[in-house]
Amino acid sequence: MENIPGQWVKSVFQRVLFQDLSADLITALAGAGLDLSAQVEEAYPRPVWYRSIELTADSLFPELAQEKRLRQLGRHIIQSLESRRLLKGPWLAMAKLMGPRRALKQAAELGAPNSPIRLEVKERNSREVEVTVAEDQQAEFLAGLLEGLIAALGGKSPHVKVESVANGHAVMAASWR
C-alpha cells in the first residue's frame, strides 16, 4: 500500500481546507497523525489520510449520513479550490474548452506519474465515462471529488454512481448534461 505524498496532504489540508477547520478538528487531526502545526512529512500512511478525511467530513457535515458526508467533502474540496482561486491556470481553461470527457481522460493519462491514486477513464458515450480507481477505500469521497471536478470542467448536473468496490479498485459511472 503506497503512502500519500506529504505535499498532497499539505495542499488539501493547509491550502484548501484550512480556513474550514475548527480548533477541535485540528487537535483531532493531530491525534490521528496529521499535525498541521508541524513540518509536513515526506509521506503519510494511508490510514492517517483516511482517518483525517473521515474526521474532516464528520466535522464539516455532521448533519449528513457518513457516506453523504464523505461525498460532500469531496465536492467541497473542488468547490473550495475554485472559490478560493486555487484551481486556475492554462490547463483548466483548456480543459473547460475540451469538456469533461476529454479533460478527464487527459488528466488520467498526464497525472498518473504524480498521483497517489491511479485511475483509468473509459468513454461510455459523449456524456458518460467509466472511471476505475486503484483505491477501494472511501469511494464516496472519490465520487464527490469526481462530481466536483466534472462541474468545474463545465459539466452540468454531474452525477457519479459507485458501481463496485472490490479487489483494491472502485468502479464509478460519471455522467453529466
Protein backbone atom coordinates (compact mmCIF):
# COMPACT_ATOMS: atom_id res chain seq x y z
CA MET A 1 0.00 0.00 0.00
CA GLU A 2 1.57 3.22 -1.21
CA ASN A 3 1.71 6.20 1.16
CA ILE A 4 0.13 9.57 0.41
CA PRO A 5 2.73 12.23 -0.54
CA GLY A 6 3.14 14.92 2.11
CA GLN A 7 2.83 17.72 -0.45
CA TRP A 8 -0.56 16.35 -1.48
CA VAL A 9 -1.74 16.21 2.13
CA LYS A 10 -0.38 19.71 2.75
CA SER A 11 -2.22 21.06 -0.29
CA VAL A 12 -5.55 19.58 0.79
CA PHE A 13 -5.42 20.40 4.48
CA GLN A 14 -3.22 23.50 4.68
CA ARG A 15 -4.15 25.29 1.46
CA VAL A 16 -7.66 24.18 0.52
CA LEU A 17 -9.39 23.28 3.78
CA PHE A 18 -7.50 25.15 6.49
CA GLN A 19 -9.98 28.02 6.86
CA ASP A 20 -12.77 25.45 7.34
CA LEU A 21 -11.00 23.60 10.17
CA SER A 22 -12.02 24.34 13.77
CA ALA A 23 -9.50 24.23 16.62
CA ASP A 24 -11.12 20.99 17.85
CA LEU A 25 -10.77 19.40 14.42
CA ILE A 26 -7.12 20.48 14.15
CA THR A 27 -6.50 18.79 17.53
CA ALA A 28 -8.34 15.64 16.39
CA LEU A 29 -6.32 15.54 13.17
CA ALA A 30 -3.08 15.78 15.18
CA GLY A 31 -4.28 12.88 17.31
CA ALA A 32 -4.88 10.88 14.13
CA GLY A 33 -1.32 11.52 12.94
CA LEU A 34 -1.76 14.69 10.87
CA ASP A 35 -0.26 17.55 12.88
CA LEU A 36 -0.87 20.68 10.82
CA SER A 37 1.36 22.77 13.09
CA ALA A 38 4.40 20.56 12.42
CA GLN A 39 6.63 20.35 9.38
CA VAL A 40 4.92 18.39 6.60
CA GLU A 41 6.21 14.85 6.41
CA GLU A 42 7.52 13.40 3.18
CA ALA A 43 4.62 10.95 3.11
CA TYR A 44 1.71 9.85 5.30
CA PRO A 45 0.42 6.31 5.78
CA ARG A 46 -2.91 5.79 4.06
CA PRO A 47 -4.71 5.04 7.38
CA VAL A 48 -3.75 8.55 8.59
CA TRP A 49 -5.14 10.03 5.36
CA TYR A 50 -8.38 8.01 5.60
CA ARG A 51 -8.92 8.94 9.24
CA SER A 52 -8.19 12.61 8.53
CA ILE A 53 -10.74 12.63 5.71
CA GLU A 54 -13.35 10.97 7.96
CA LEU A 55 -12.74 13.39 10.83
CA THR A 56 -12.99 16.37 8.49
CA ALA A 57 -16.18 15.12 6.84
CA ASP A 58 -17.72 14.43 10.26
CA SER A 59 -16.81 17.91 11.49
CA LEU A 60 -17.88 19.89 8.41
CA PHE A 61 -21.07 17.96 7.58
CA PRO A 62 -22.37 16.43 10.85
CA GLU A 63 -25.99 16.64 9.72
CA LEU A 64 -25.42 14.14 6.89
CA ALA A 65 -25.12 10.34 6.97
CA GLN A 66 -21.48 9.08 6.86
CA GLU A 67 -21.39 8.21 3.14
CA LYS A 68 -23.02 11.52 2.24
CA ARG A 69 -20.51 13.36 4.45
CA LEU A 70 -17.63 11.83 2.53
CA ARG A 71 -19.19 12.67 -0.84
CA GLN A 72 -19.96 16.22 0.27
CA LEU A 73 -16.39 16.70 1.48
CA GLY A 74 -15.08 15.60 -1.92
CA ARG A 75 -17.32 18.13 -3.67
CA HIS A 76 -16.41 20.78 -1.10
CA ILE A 77 -12.68 20.38 -1.79
CA ILE A 78 -13.15 21.01 -5.52
CA GLN A 79 -15.58 23.90 -4.90
CA SER A 80 -13.08 25.41 -2.44
CA LEU A 81 -10.28 25.10 -4.96
CA GLU A 82 -12.42 27.13 -7.36
CA SER A 83 -13.88 29.69 -4.94
CA ARG A 84 -10.53 30.34 -3.26
CA ARG A 85 -8.92 30.69 -6.69
CA LEU A 86 -6.53 27.80 -6.13
CA LEU A 87 -7.74 25.95 -9.24
CA LYS A 88 -6.65 28.05 -12.17
CA GLY A 89 -4.20 28.27 -14.98
CA PRO A 90 -3.97 27.39 -18.64
CA TRP A 91 -4.76 23.70 -18.15
CA LEU A 92 -8.10 24.49 -16.50
CA ALA A 93 -9.05 26.99 -19.20
CA MET A 94 -8.17 24.47 -21.91
CA ALA A 95 -9.90 21.65 -20.01
CA LYS A 96 -13.15 23.62 -19.88
CA LEU A 97 -12.95 24.05 -23.66
CA MET A 98 -12.29 20.32 -24.12
CA GLY A 99 -15.21 19.36 -21.90
CA PRO A 100 -15.39 16.83 -19.06
CA ARG A 101 -14.99 13.64 -21.10
CA ARG A 102 -11.78 14.60 -22.90
CA ALA A 103 -10.36 16.53 -19.93
CA LEU A 104 -10.87 13.58 -17.56
CA LYS A 105 -9.21 11.18 -19.98
CA GLN A 106 -6.28 13.53 -20.45
CA ALA A 107 -5.94 14.19 -16.71
CA ALA A 108 -5.86 10.44 -16.02
CA GLU A 109 -3.10 9.97 -18.60
CA LEU A 110 -0.99 13.02 -17.71
CA GLY A 111 -1.49 12.87 -13.94
CA ALA A 112 -0.66 9.20 -13.49
CA PRO A 113 3.03 9.65 -12.59
CA ASN A 114 2.27 12.33 -9.95
CA SER A 115 -0.90 10.99 -8.37
CA PRO A 116 -1.05 8.64 -5.39
CA ILE A 117 -4.33 7.35 -6.81
CA ARG A 118 -4.22 5.60 -10.17
CA LEU A 119 -7.25 5.82 -12.38
CA GLU A 120 -8.45 4.77 -15.79
CA VAL A 121 -11.16 6.57 -17.74
CA LYS A 122 -13.20 4.79 -20.43
CA GLU A 123 -15.76 6.55 -22.55
CA ARG A 124 -19.28 5.12 -22.41
CA ASN A 125 -20.86 7.85 -24.54
CA SER A 126 -20.38 11.59 -25.11
CA ARG A 127 -21.69 12.49 -21.64
CA GLU A 128 -20.72 9.46 -19.59
CA VAL A 129 -17.47 7.81 -18.61
CA GLU A 130 -16.48 4.84 -16.51
CA VAL A 131 -13.74 5.64 -14.03
CA THR A 132 -11.79 2.82 -12.42
CA VAL A 133 -9.77 3.96 -9.43
CA ALA A 134 -6.99 1.85 -7.94
CA GLU A 135 -8.40 2.51 -4.47
CA ASP A 136 -11.05 0.63 -2.52
CA GLN A 137 -11.37 2.94 0.49
CA GLN A 138 -13.71 5.92 0.78
CA ALA A 139 -15.26 5.50 -2.65
CA GLU A 140 -17.95 8.07 -1.79
CA PHE A 141 -15.24 10.67 -1.10
CA LEU A 142 -13.69 9.92 -4.50
CA ALA A 143 -17.13 10.12 -6.12
CA GLY A 144 -17.61 13.57 -4.58
CA LEU A 145 -14.23 14.73 -5.89
CA LEU A 146 -15.20 13.46 -9.34
CA GLU A 147 -18.60 15.21 -9.25
CA GLY A 148 -16.94 18.45 -8.22
CA LEU A 149 -14.31 18.12 -10.93
CA ILE A 150 -16.91 17.46 -13.64
CA ALA A 151 -18.79 20.59 -12.55
CA ALA A 152 -15.52 22.60 -12.58
CA LEU A 153 -14.90 21.34 -16.12
CA GLY A 154 -18.27 22.64 -17.28
CA GLY A 155 -20.40 19.51 -16.94
CA LYS A 156 -23.97 20.36 -15.93
CA SER A 157 -25.72 18.33 -13.21
CA PRO A 158 -22.86 15.87 -12.66
CA HIS A 159 -23.79 12.51 -11.19
CA VAL A 160 -21.39 9.80 -10.08
CA LYS A 161 -22.58 6.34 -9.15
CA VAL A 162 -20.24 3.95 -7.37
CA GLU A 163 -20.89 0.72 -9.24
CA SER A 164 -18.49 -1.59 -7.41
CA VAL A 165 -15.74 -1.65 -4.83
CA ALA A 166 -13.58 -4.78 -4.73
CA ASN A 167 -10.05 -6.12 -5.00
CA GLY A 168 -8.38 -2.76 -4.45
CA HIS A 169 -10.48 -0.91 -7.04
CA ALA A 170 -13.60 1.20 -7.24
CA VAL A 171 -15.58 1.50 -10.46
CA MET A 172 -17.74 4.58 -10.96
CA ALA A 173 -20.08 5.76 -13.67
CA ALA A 174 -19.87 9.52 -14.14
CA SER A 175 -22.42 11.40 -16.23
CA TRP A 176 -23.48 14.98 -16.86
CA ARG A 177 -25.73 17.04 -19.10
